[in-house]
Amino acid sequence: MALLVITDDCTDCDACIEPCPNDAISIIEGLYIINKDLCTECVGHHEDPQCVEVCPSDCILPDPDHEETPEELQAKYESLQSAA
């Protein structure tokens, strides 16, 4: 699995921000950014990444430069939960 990235096709609709259980999506200088340190692709929360599910322009895609295994995503989820 590869972590997610928001492409230039983003329509700035804000639909992806609210459903993210890890608050991994933010707006920086007008661009929607997914924080790789917080994104678990919703592992531990949902079966599928919620940002992808709600995106009307299908602009949230796997980022081949940031691949993580399901086990790594689970470990990140657990680490985020213990820090909360």
PDB file of N, CA and C in Angstrom:
ATOM      1  N   MET A   1       0.838  -1.172   0.000  1.00  0.00           N
ATOM      2  CA  MET A   1       0.000   0.000   0.000  1.00  0.00           C
ATOM      3  C   MET A   1       0.888   1.241   0.000  1.00  0.00           C
ATOM      4  N   ALA A   2       0.409   2.254  -0.646  1.00  0.00           N
ATOM      5  CA  ALA A   2       1.129   3.529  -0.630  1.00  0.00           C
ATOM      6  C   ALA A   2       0.263   4.552   0.085  1.00  0.00           C
ATOM      7  N   LEU A   3       0.912   5.407   0.839  1.00  0.00           N
ATOM      8  CA  LEU A   3       0.154   6.475   1.478  1.00  0.00           C
ATOM      9  C   LEU A   3      -0.488   7.326   0.402  1.00  0.00           C
ATOM     10  N   LEU A   4      -1.316   8.243   0.806  1.00  0.00           N
ATOM     11  CA  LEU A   4      -2.124   8.989  -0.154  1.00  0.00           C
ATOM     12  C   LEU A   4      -1.564  10.388  -0.399  1.00  0.00           C
ATOM     13  N   VAL A   5      -1.832  10.891  -1.593  1.00  0.00           N
ATOM     14  CA  VAL A   5      -1.436  12.237  -1.974  1.00  0.00           C
ATOM     15  C   VAL A   5      -2.617  12.892  -2.681  1.00  0.00           C
ATOM     16  N   ILE A   6      -2.764  14.189  -2.503  1.00  0.00           N
ATOM     17  CA  ILE A   6      -3.833  14.934  -3.171  1.00  0.00           C
ATOM     18  C   ILE A   6      -3.228  15.604  -4.398  1.00  0.00           C
ATOM     19  N   THR A   7      -3.789  15.336  -5.561  1.00  0.00           N
ATOM     20  CA  THR A   7      -3.237  15.848  -6.814  1.00  0.00           C
ATOM     21  C   THR A   7      -3.735  17.261  -7.118  1.00  0.00           C
ATOM     22  N   ASP A   8      -3.210  17.809  -8.200  1.00  0.00           N
ATOM     23  CA  ASP A   8      -3.600  19.155  -8.642  1.00  0.00           C
ATOM     24  C   ASP A   8      -5.042  19.229  -9.122  1.00  0.00           C
ATOM     25  N   ASP A   9      -5.707  18.086  -9.282  1.00  0.00           N
ATOM     26  CA  ASP A   9      -7.103  18.072  -9.718  1.00  0.00           C
ATOM     27  C   ASP A   9      -8.064  18.435  -8.586  1.00  0.00           C
ATOM     28  N   CYS A  10      -7.531  18.687  -7.400  1.00  0.00           N
ATOM     29  CA  CYS A  10      -8.353  19.032  -6.237  1.00  0.00           C
ATOM     30  C   CYS A  10      -9.178  20.283  -6.527  1.00  0.00           C
ATOM     31  N   THR A  11     -10.451  20.228  -6.150  1.00  0.00           N
ATOM     32  CA  THR A  11     -11.371  21.350  -6.387  1.00  0.00           C
ATOM     33  C   THR A  11     -11.570  22.211  -5.136  1.00  0.00           C
ATOM     34  N   ASP A  12     -10.790  21.983  -4.101  1.00  0.00           N
ATOM     35  CA  ASP A  12     -10.866  22.754  -2.852  1.00  0.00           C
ATOM     36  C   ASP A  12     -12.243  22.688  -2.200  1.00  0.00           C
ATOM     37  N   CYS A  13     -12.861  21.534  -2.235  1.00  0.00           N
ATOM     38  CA  CYS A  13     -14.222  21.407  -1.708  1.00  0.00           C
ATOM     39  C   CYS A  13     -14.263  21.170  -0.202  1.00  0.00           C
ATOM     40  N   ASP A  14     -13.145  20.823   0.429  1.00  0.00           N
ATOM     41  CA  ASP A  14     -13.040  20.549   1.863  1.00  0.00           C
ATOM     42  C   ASP A  14     -13.674  19.227   2.302  1.00  0.00           C
ATOM     43  N   ALA A  15     -14.194  18.439   1.398  1.00  0.00           N
ATOM     44  CA  ALA A  15     -14.890  17.201   1.778  1.00  0.00           C
ATOM     45  C   ALA A  15     -13.980  16.205   2.486  1.00  0.00           C
ATOM     46  N   CYS A  16     -12.700  16.224   2.205  1.00  0.00           N
ATOM     47  CA  CYS A  16     -11.781  15.228   2.753  1.00  0.00           C
ATOM     48  C   CYS A  16     -11.338  15.515   4.187  1.00  0.00           C
ATOM     49  N   ILE A  17     -11.429  16.754   4.615  1.00  0.00           N
ATOM     50  CA  ILE A  17     -10.871  17.131   5.912  1.00  0.00           C
ATOM     51  C   ILE A  17     -11.645  16.519   7.077  1.00  0.00           C
ATOM     52  N   GLU A  18     -12.926  16.682   7.107  1.00  0.00           N
ATOM     53  CA  GLU A  18     -13.751  16.238   8.238  1.00  0.00           C
ATOM     54  C   GLU A  18     -13.712  14.724   8.491  1.00  0.00           C
ATOM     55  N   PRO A  19     -13.795  13.879   7.459  1.00  0.00           N
ATOM     56  CA  PRO A  19     -13.845  12.442   7.748  1.00  0.00           C
ATOM     57  C   PRO A  19     -12.510  11.810   8.129  1.00  0.00           C
ATOM     58  N   CYS A  20     -11.410  12.554   8.037  1.00  0.00           N
ATOM     59  CA  CYS A  20     -10.103  11.983   8.379  1.00  0.00           C
ATOM     60  C   CYS A  20     -10.002  11.771   9.887  1.00  0.00           C
ATOM     61  N   PRO A  21      -9.918  10.525  10.341  1.00  0.00           N
ATOM     62  CA  PRO A  21      -9.905  10.264  11.785  1.00  0.00           C
ATOM     63  C   PRO A  21      -8.611  10.673  12.474  1.00  0.00           C
ATOM     64  N   ASN A  22      -7.556  10.912  11.705  1.00  0.00           N
ATOM     65  CA  ASN A  22      -6.259  11.257  12.286  1.00  0.00           C
ATOM     66  C   ASN A  22      -5.890  12.725  12.092  1.00  0.00           C
ATOM     67  N   ASP A  23      -6.821  13.506  11.567  1.00  0.00           N
ATOM     68  CA  ASP A  23      -6.533  14.918  11.270  1.00  0.00           C
ATOM     69  C   ASP A  23      -5.262  15.062  10.444  1.00  0.00           C
ATOM     70  N   ALA A  24      -5.105  14.193   9.462  1.00  0.00           N
ATOM     71  CA  ALA A  24      -3.894  14.176   8.641  1.00  0.00           C
ATOM     72  C   ALA A  24      -3.957  15.147   7.467  1.00  0.00           C
ATOM     73  N   ILE A  25      -5.129  15.705   7.179  1.00  0.00           N
ATOM     74  CA  ILE A  25      -5.277  16.584   6.017  1.00  0.00           C
ATOM     75  C   ILE A  25      -5.399  18.026   6.488  1.00  0.00           C
ATOM     76  N   SER A  26      -4.584  18.868   5.897  1.00  0.00           N
ATOM     77  CA  SER A  26      -4.635  20.287   6.227  1.00  0.00           C
ATOM     78  C   SER A  26      -4.440  21.114   4.957  1.00  0.00           C
ATOM     79  N   ILE A  27      -4.684  22.402   5.087  1.00  0.00           N
ATOM     80  CA  ILE A  27      -4.498  23.329   3.979  1.00  0.00           C
ATOM     81  C   ILE A  27      -3.287  24.192   4.318  1.00  0.00           C
ATOM     82  N   ILE A  28      -2.283  24.132   3.467  1.00  0.00           N
ATOM     83  CA  ILE A  28      -1.064  24.911   3.662  1.00  0.00           C
ATOM     84  C   ILE A  28      -0.819  25.730   2.400  1.00  0.00           C
ATOM     85  N   GLU A  29      -0.857  27.029   2.565  1.00  0.00           N
ATOM     86  CA  GLU A  29      -0.660  27.964   1.453  1.00  0.00           C
ATOM     87  C   GLU A  29      -1.591  27.635   0.284  1.00  0.00           C
ATOM     88  N   GLY A  30      -2.842  27.338   0.608  1.00  0.00           N
ATOM     89  CA  GLY A  30      -3.854  27.085  -0.405  1.00  0.00           C
ATOM     90  C   GLY A  30      -3.845  25.687  -1.004  1.00  0.00           C
ATOM     91  N   LEU A  31      -2.946  24.816  -0.538  1.00  0.00           N
ATOM     92  CA  LEU A  31      -2.871  23.448  -1.051  1.00  0.00           C
ATOM     93  C   LEU A  31      -3.316  22.460   0.029  1.00  0.00           C
ATOM     94  N   TYR A  32      -4.050  21.456  -0.388  1.00  0.00           N
ATOM     95  CA  TYR A  32      -4.473  20.396   0.527  1.00  0.00           C
ATOM     96  C   TYR A  32      -3.327  19.398   0.630  1.00  0.00           C
ATOM     97  N   ILE A  33      -2.892  19.143   1.855  1.00  0.00           N
ATOM     98  CA  ILE A  33      -1.728  18.308   2.104  1.00  0.00           C
ATOM     99  C   ILE A  33      -2.102  17.188   3.059  1.00  0.00           C
ATOM    100  N   ILE A  34      -1.611  15.987   2.770  1.00  0.00           N
ATOM    101  CA  ILE A  34      -1.796  14.853   3.680  1.00  0.00           C
ATOM    102  C   ILE A  34      -0.475  14.642   4.416  1.00  0.00           C
ATOM    103  N   ASN A  35      -0.525  14.743   5.736  1.00  0.00           N
ATOM    104  CA  ASN A  35       0.648  14.554   6.564  1.00  0.00           C
ATOM    105  C   ASN A  35       0.971  13.059   6.634  1.00  0.00           C
ATOM    106  N   LYS A  36       2.108  12.674   6.079  1.00  0.00           N
ATOM    107  CA  LYS A  36       2.501  11.258   6.024  1.00  0.00           C
ATOM    108  C   LYS A  36       2.711  10.655   7.412  1.00  0.00           C
ATOM    109  N   ASP A  37       3.031  11.509   8.397  1.00  0.00           N
ATOM    110  CA  ASP A  37       3.238  11.009   9.750  1.00  0.00           C
ATOM    111  C   ASP A  37       1.923  10.700  10.469  1.00  0.00           C
ATOM    112  N   LEU A  38       0.821  11.236   9.958  1.00  0.00           N
ATOM    113  CA  LEU A  38      -0.485  11.012  10.579  1.00  0.00           C
ATOM    114  C   LEU A  38      -1.402  10.099   9.775  1.00  0.00           C
ATOM    115  N   CYS A  39      -1.163   9.987   8.479  1.00  0.00           N
ATOM    116  CA  CYS A  39      -2.039   9.177   7.618  1.00  0.00           C
ATOM    117  C   CYS A  39      -1.784   7.689   7.833  1.00  0.00           C
ATOM    118  N   THR A  40      -2.857   6.968   8.156  1.00  0.00           N
ATOM    119  CA  THR A  40      -2.791   5.510   8.273  1.00  0.00           C
ATOM    120  C   THR A  40      -3.699   4.850   7.237  1.00  0.00           C
ATOM    121  N   GLU A  41      -4.147   5.639   6.263  1.00  0.00           N
ATOM    122  CA  GLU A  41      -5.135   5.169   5.283  1.00  0.00           C
ATOM    123  C   GLU A  41      -6.375   4.629   5.983  1.00  0.00           C
ATOM    124  N   CYS A  42      -6.650   5.180   7.144  1.00  0.00           N
ATOM    125  CA  CYS A  42      -7.794   4.832   7.997  1.00  0.00           C
ATOM    126  C   CYS A  42      -7.690   3.450   8.629  1.00  0.00           C
ATOM    127  N   VAL A  43      -6.518   2.822   8.551  1.00  0.00           N
ATOM    128  CA  VAL A  43      -6.308   1.553   9.247  1.00  0.00           C
ATOM    129  C   VAL A  43      -6.600   1.776  10.726  1.00  0.00           C
ATOM    130  N   GLY A  44      -7.359   0.869  11.306  1.00  0.00           N
ATOM    131  CA  GLY A  44      -7.742   0.975  12.702  1.00  0.00           C
ATOM    132  C   GLY A  44      -9.044   1.723  12.916  1.00  0.00           C
ATOM    133  N   HIS A  45      -9.485   2.452  11.918  1.00  0.00           N
ATOM    134  CA  HIS A  45     -10.722   3.225  12.025  1.00  0.00           C
ATOM    135  C   HIS A  45     -11.794   2.730  11.051  1.00  0.00           C
ATOM    136  N   HIS A  46     -11.405   2.563   9.782  1.00  0.00           N
ATOM    137  CA  HIS A  46     -12.347   2.206   8.724  1.00  0.00           C
ATOM    138  C   HIS A  46     -11.695   1.211   7.769  1.00  0.00           C
ATOM    139  N   GLU A  47     -12.519   0.536   7.011  1.00  0.00           N
ATOM    140  CA  GLU A  47     -12.009  -0.436   6.048  1.00  0.00           C
ATOM    141  C   GLU A  47     -11.308   0.241   4.873  1.00  0.00           C
ATOM    142  N   ASP A  48     -11.804   1.403   4.452  1.00  0.00           N
ATOM    143  CA  ASP A  48     -11.242   2.134   3.323  1.00  0.00           C
ATOM    144  C   ASP A  48     -10.904   3.560   3.737  1.00  0.00           C
ATOM    145  N   PRO A  49      -9.916   4.172   3.081  1.00  0.00           N
ATOM    146  CA  PRO A  49      -9.595   5.573   3.383  1.00  0.00           C
ATOM    147  C   PRO A  49     -10.808   6.467   3.147  1.00  0.00           C
ATOM    148  N   GLN A  50     -11.225   7.159   4.182  1.00  0.00           N
ATOM    149  CA  GLN A  50     -12.434   7.974   4.091  1.00  0.00           C
ATOM    150  C   GLN A  50     -12.278   9.171   3.171  1.00  0.00           C
ATOM    151  N   CYS A  51     -11.079   9.741   3.084  1.00  0.00           N
ATOM    152  CA  CYS A  51     -10.873  10.878   2.183  1.00  0.00           C
ATOM    153  C   CYS A  51     -11.125  10.467   0.731  1.00  0.00           C
ATOM    154  N   VAL A  52     -10.686   9.269   0.383  1.00  0.00           N
ATOM    155  CA  VAL A  52     -10.889   8.765  -0.981  1.00  0.00           C
ATOM    156  C   VAL A  52     -12.377   8.532  -1.228  1.00  0.00           C
ATOM    157  N   GLU A  53     -13.057   8.004  -0.212  1.00  0.00           N
ATOM    158  CA  GLU A  53     -14.486   7.701  -0.343  1.00  0.00           C
ATOM    159  C   GLU A  53     -15.321   8.949  -0.612  1.00  0.00           C
ATOM    160  N   VAL A  54     -14.966  10.080   0.006  1.00  0.00           N
ATOM    161  CA  VAL A  54     -15.803  11.280  -0.115  1.00  0.00           C
ATOM    162  C   VAL A  54     -15.329  12.255  -1.199  1.00  0.00           C
ATOM    163  N   CYS A  55     -14.172  12.053  -1.766  1.00  0.00           N
ATOM    164  CA  CYS A  55     -13.618  12.998  -2.745  1.00  0.00           C
ATOM    165  C   CYS A  55     -14.429  12.991  -4.039  1.00  0.00           C
ATOM    166  N   PRO A  56     -15.055  14.129  -4.389  1.00  0.00           N
ATOM    167  CA  PRO A  56     -15.871  14.166  -5.608  1.00  0.00           C
ATOM    168  C   PRO A  56     -15.057  14.253  -6.895  1.00  0.00           C
ATOM    169  N   SER A  57     -13.794  14.620  -6.791  1.00  0.00           N
ATOM    170  CA  SER A  57     -12.997  14.758  -8.010  1.00  0.00           C
ATOM    171  C   SER A  57     -11.964  13.644  -8.173  1.00  0.00           C
ATOM    172  N   ASP A  58     -12.024  12.640  -7.329  1.00  0.00           N
ATOM    173  CA  ASP A  58     -11.106  11.492  -7.400  1.00  0.00           C
ATOM    174  C   ASP A  58      -9.648  11.927  -7.513  1.00  0.00           C
ATOM    175  N   CYS A  59      -9.263  12.905  -6.703  1.00  0.00           N
ATOM    176  CA  CYS A  59      -7.900  13.433  -6.784  1.00  0.00           C
ATOM    177  C   CYS A  59      -6.988  12.934  -5.667  1.00  0.00           C
ATOM    178  N   ILE A  60      -7.457  11.998  -4.854  1.00  0.00           N
ATOM    179  CA  ILE A  60      -6.622  11.448  -3.784  1.00  0.00           C
ATOM    180  C   ILE A  60      -6.182  10.052  -4.209  1.00  0.00           C
ATOM    181  N   LEU A  61      -4.890   9.946  -4.471  1.00  0.00           N
ATOM    182  CA  LEU A  61      -4.336   8.734  -5.074  1.00  0.00           C
ATOM    183  C   LEU A  61      -3.191   8.180  -4.231  1.00  0.00           C
ATOM    184  N   PRO A  62      -2.852   6.904  -4.438  1.00  0.00           N
ATOM    185  CA  PRO A  62      -1.678   6.349  -3.760  1.00  0.00           C
ATOM    186  C   PRO A  62      -0.415   7.096  -4.193  1.00  0.00           C
ATOM    187  N   ASP A  63       0.469   7.325  -3.243  1.00  0.00           N
ATOM    188  CA  ASP A  63       1.740   7.994  -3.500  1.00  0.00           C
ATOM    189  C   ASP A  63       2.840   6.933  -3.541  1.00  0.00           C
ATOM    190  N   PRO A  64       3.328   6.601  -4.740  1.00  0.00           N
ATOM    191  CA  PRO A  64       4.333   5.533  -4.848  1.00  0.00           C
ATOM    192  C   PRO A  64       5.651   5.873  -4.159  1.00  0.00           C
ATOM    193  N   ASP A  65       5.857   7.132  -3.808  1.00  0.00           N
ATOM    194  CA  ASP A  65       7.088   7.533  -3.122  1.00  0.00           C
ATOM    195  C   ASP A  65       7.003   7.329  -1.617  1.00  0.00           C
ATOM    196  N   HIS A  66       5.836   6.964  -1.108  1.00  0.00           N
ATOM    197  CA  HIS A  66       5.642   6.776   0.334  1.00  0.00           C
ATOM    198  C   HIS A  66       4.825   5.504   0.590  1.00  0.00           C
ATOM    199  N   GLU A  67       5.442   4.373   0.363  1.00  0.00           N
ATOM    200  CA  GLU A  67       4.742   3.110   0.565  1.00  0.00           C
ATOM    201  C   GLU A  67       4.933   2.604   1.989  1.00  0.00           C
ATOM    202  N   GLU A  68       3.848   2.068   2.550  1.00  0.00           N
ATOM    203  CA  GLU A  68       3.889   1.425   3.853  1.00  0.00           C
ATOM    204  C   GLU A  68       3.065   0.148   3.791  1.00  0.00           C
ATOM    205  N   THR A  69       3.507  -0.855   4.504  1.00  0.00           N
ATOM    206  CA  THR A  69       2.785  -2.122   4.546  1.00  0.00           C
ATOM    207  C   THR A  69       1.577  -1.978   5.475  1.00  0.00           C
ATOM    208  N   PRO A  70       0.624  -2.882   5.369  1.00  0.00           N
ATOM    209  CA  PRO A  70      -0.497  -2.860   6.321  1.00  0.00           C
ATOM    210  C   PRO A  70      -0.019  -2.940   7.774  1.00  0.00           C
ATOM    211  N   GLU A  71       1.050  -3.681   8.010  1.00  0.00           N
ATOM    212  CA  GLU A  71       1.583  -3.797   9.367  1.00  0.00           C
ATOM    213  C   GLU A  71       2.173  -2.455   9.842  1.00  0.00           C
ATOM    214  N   GLU A  72       2.855  -1.748   8.952  1.00  0.00           N
ATOM    215  CA  GLU A  72       3.396  -0.433   9.303  1.00  0.00           C
ATOM    216  C   GLU A  72       2.275   0.571   9.579  1.00  0.00           C
ATOM    217  N   LEU A  73       1.219   0.512   8.774  1.00  0.00           N
ATOM    218  CA  LEU A  73       0.085   1.404   8.991  1.00  0.00           C
ATOM    219  C   LEU A  73      -0.601   1.096  10.317  1.00  0.00           C
ATOM    220  N   GLN A  74      -0.730  -0.180  10.657  1.00  0.00           N
ATOM    221  CA  GLN A  74      -1.327  -0.579  11.931  1.00  0.00           C
ATOM    222  C   GLN A  74      -0.466  -0.093  13.092  1.00  0.00           C
ATOM    223  N   ALA A  75       0.847  -0.251  12.978  1.00  0.00           N
ATOM    224  CA  ALA A  75       1.752   0.207  14.038  1.00  0.00           C
ATOM    225  C   ALA A  75       1.665   1.721  14.205  1.00  0.00           C
ATOM    226  N   LYS A  76       1.550   2.455  13.100  1.00  0.00           N
ATOM    227  CA  LYS A  76       1.413   3.905  13.183  1.00  0.00           C
ATOM    228  C   LYS A  76       0.096   4.266  13.865  1.00  0.00           C
ATOM    229  N   TYR A  77      -0.980   3.573  13.498  1.00  0.00           N
ATOM    230  CA  TYR A  77      -2.280   3.785  14.144  1.00  0.00           C
ATOM    231  C   TYR A  77      -2.161   3.597  15.656  1.00  0.00           C
ATOM    232  N   GLU A  78      -1.552   2.491  16.070  1.00  0.00           N
ATOM    233  CA  GLU A  78      -1.424   2.191  17.497  1.00  0.00           C
ATOM    234  C   GLU A  78      -0.572   3.251  18.209  1.00  0.00           C
ATOM    235  N   SER A  79       0.476   3.708  17.549  1.00  0.00           N
ATOM    236  CA  SER A  79       1.328   4.745  18.122  1.00  0.00           C
ATOM    237  C   SER A  79       0.558   6.062  18.287  1.00  0.00           C
ATOM    238  N   LEU A  80      -0.223   6.403  17.285  1.00  0.00           N
ATOM    239  CA  LEU A  80      -1.032   7.630  17.362  1.00  0.00           C
ATOM    240  C   LEU A  80      -2.073   7.527  18.475  1.00  0.00           C
ATOM    241  N   GLN A  81      -2.648   6.345  18.655  1.00  0.00           N
ATOM    242  CA  GLN A  81      -3.661   6.161  19.697  1.00  0.00           C
ATOM    243  C   GLN A  81      -3.044   6.246  21.089  1.00  0.00           C
ATOM    244  N   SER A  82      -1.856   5.723  21.246  1.00  0.00           N
ATOM    245  CA  SER A  82      -1.224   5.762  22.573  1.00  0.00           C
ATOM    246  C   SER A  82      -0.721   7.160  22.918  1.00  0.00           C
ATOM    247  N   ALA A  83      -0.462   7.986  21.891  1.00  0.00           N
ATOM    248  CA  ALA A  83      -0.004   9.358  22.115  1.00  0.00           C
ATOM    249  C   ALA A  83      -1.169  10.297  22.429  1.00  0.00           C
ATOM    250  N   ALA A  84      -2.380   9.860  22.099  1.00  0.00           N
ATOM    251  CA  ALA A  84      -3.553  10.730  22.284  1.00  0.00           C
ATOM    252  C   ALA A  84      -4.001  10.818  23.719  1.00  0.00           C
TER     253      ALA A  84
END
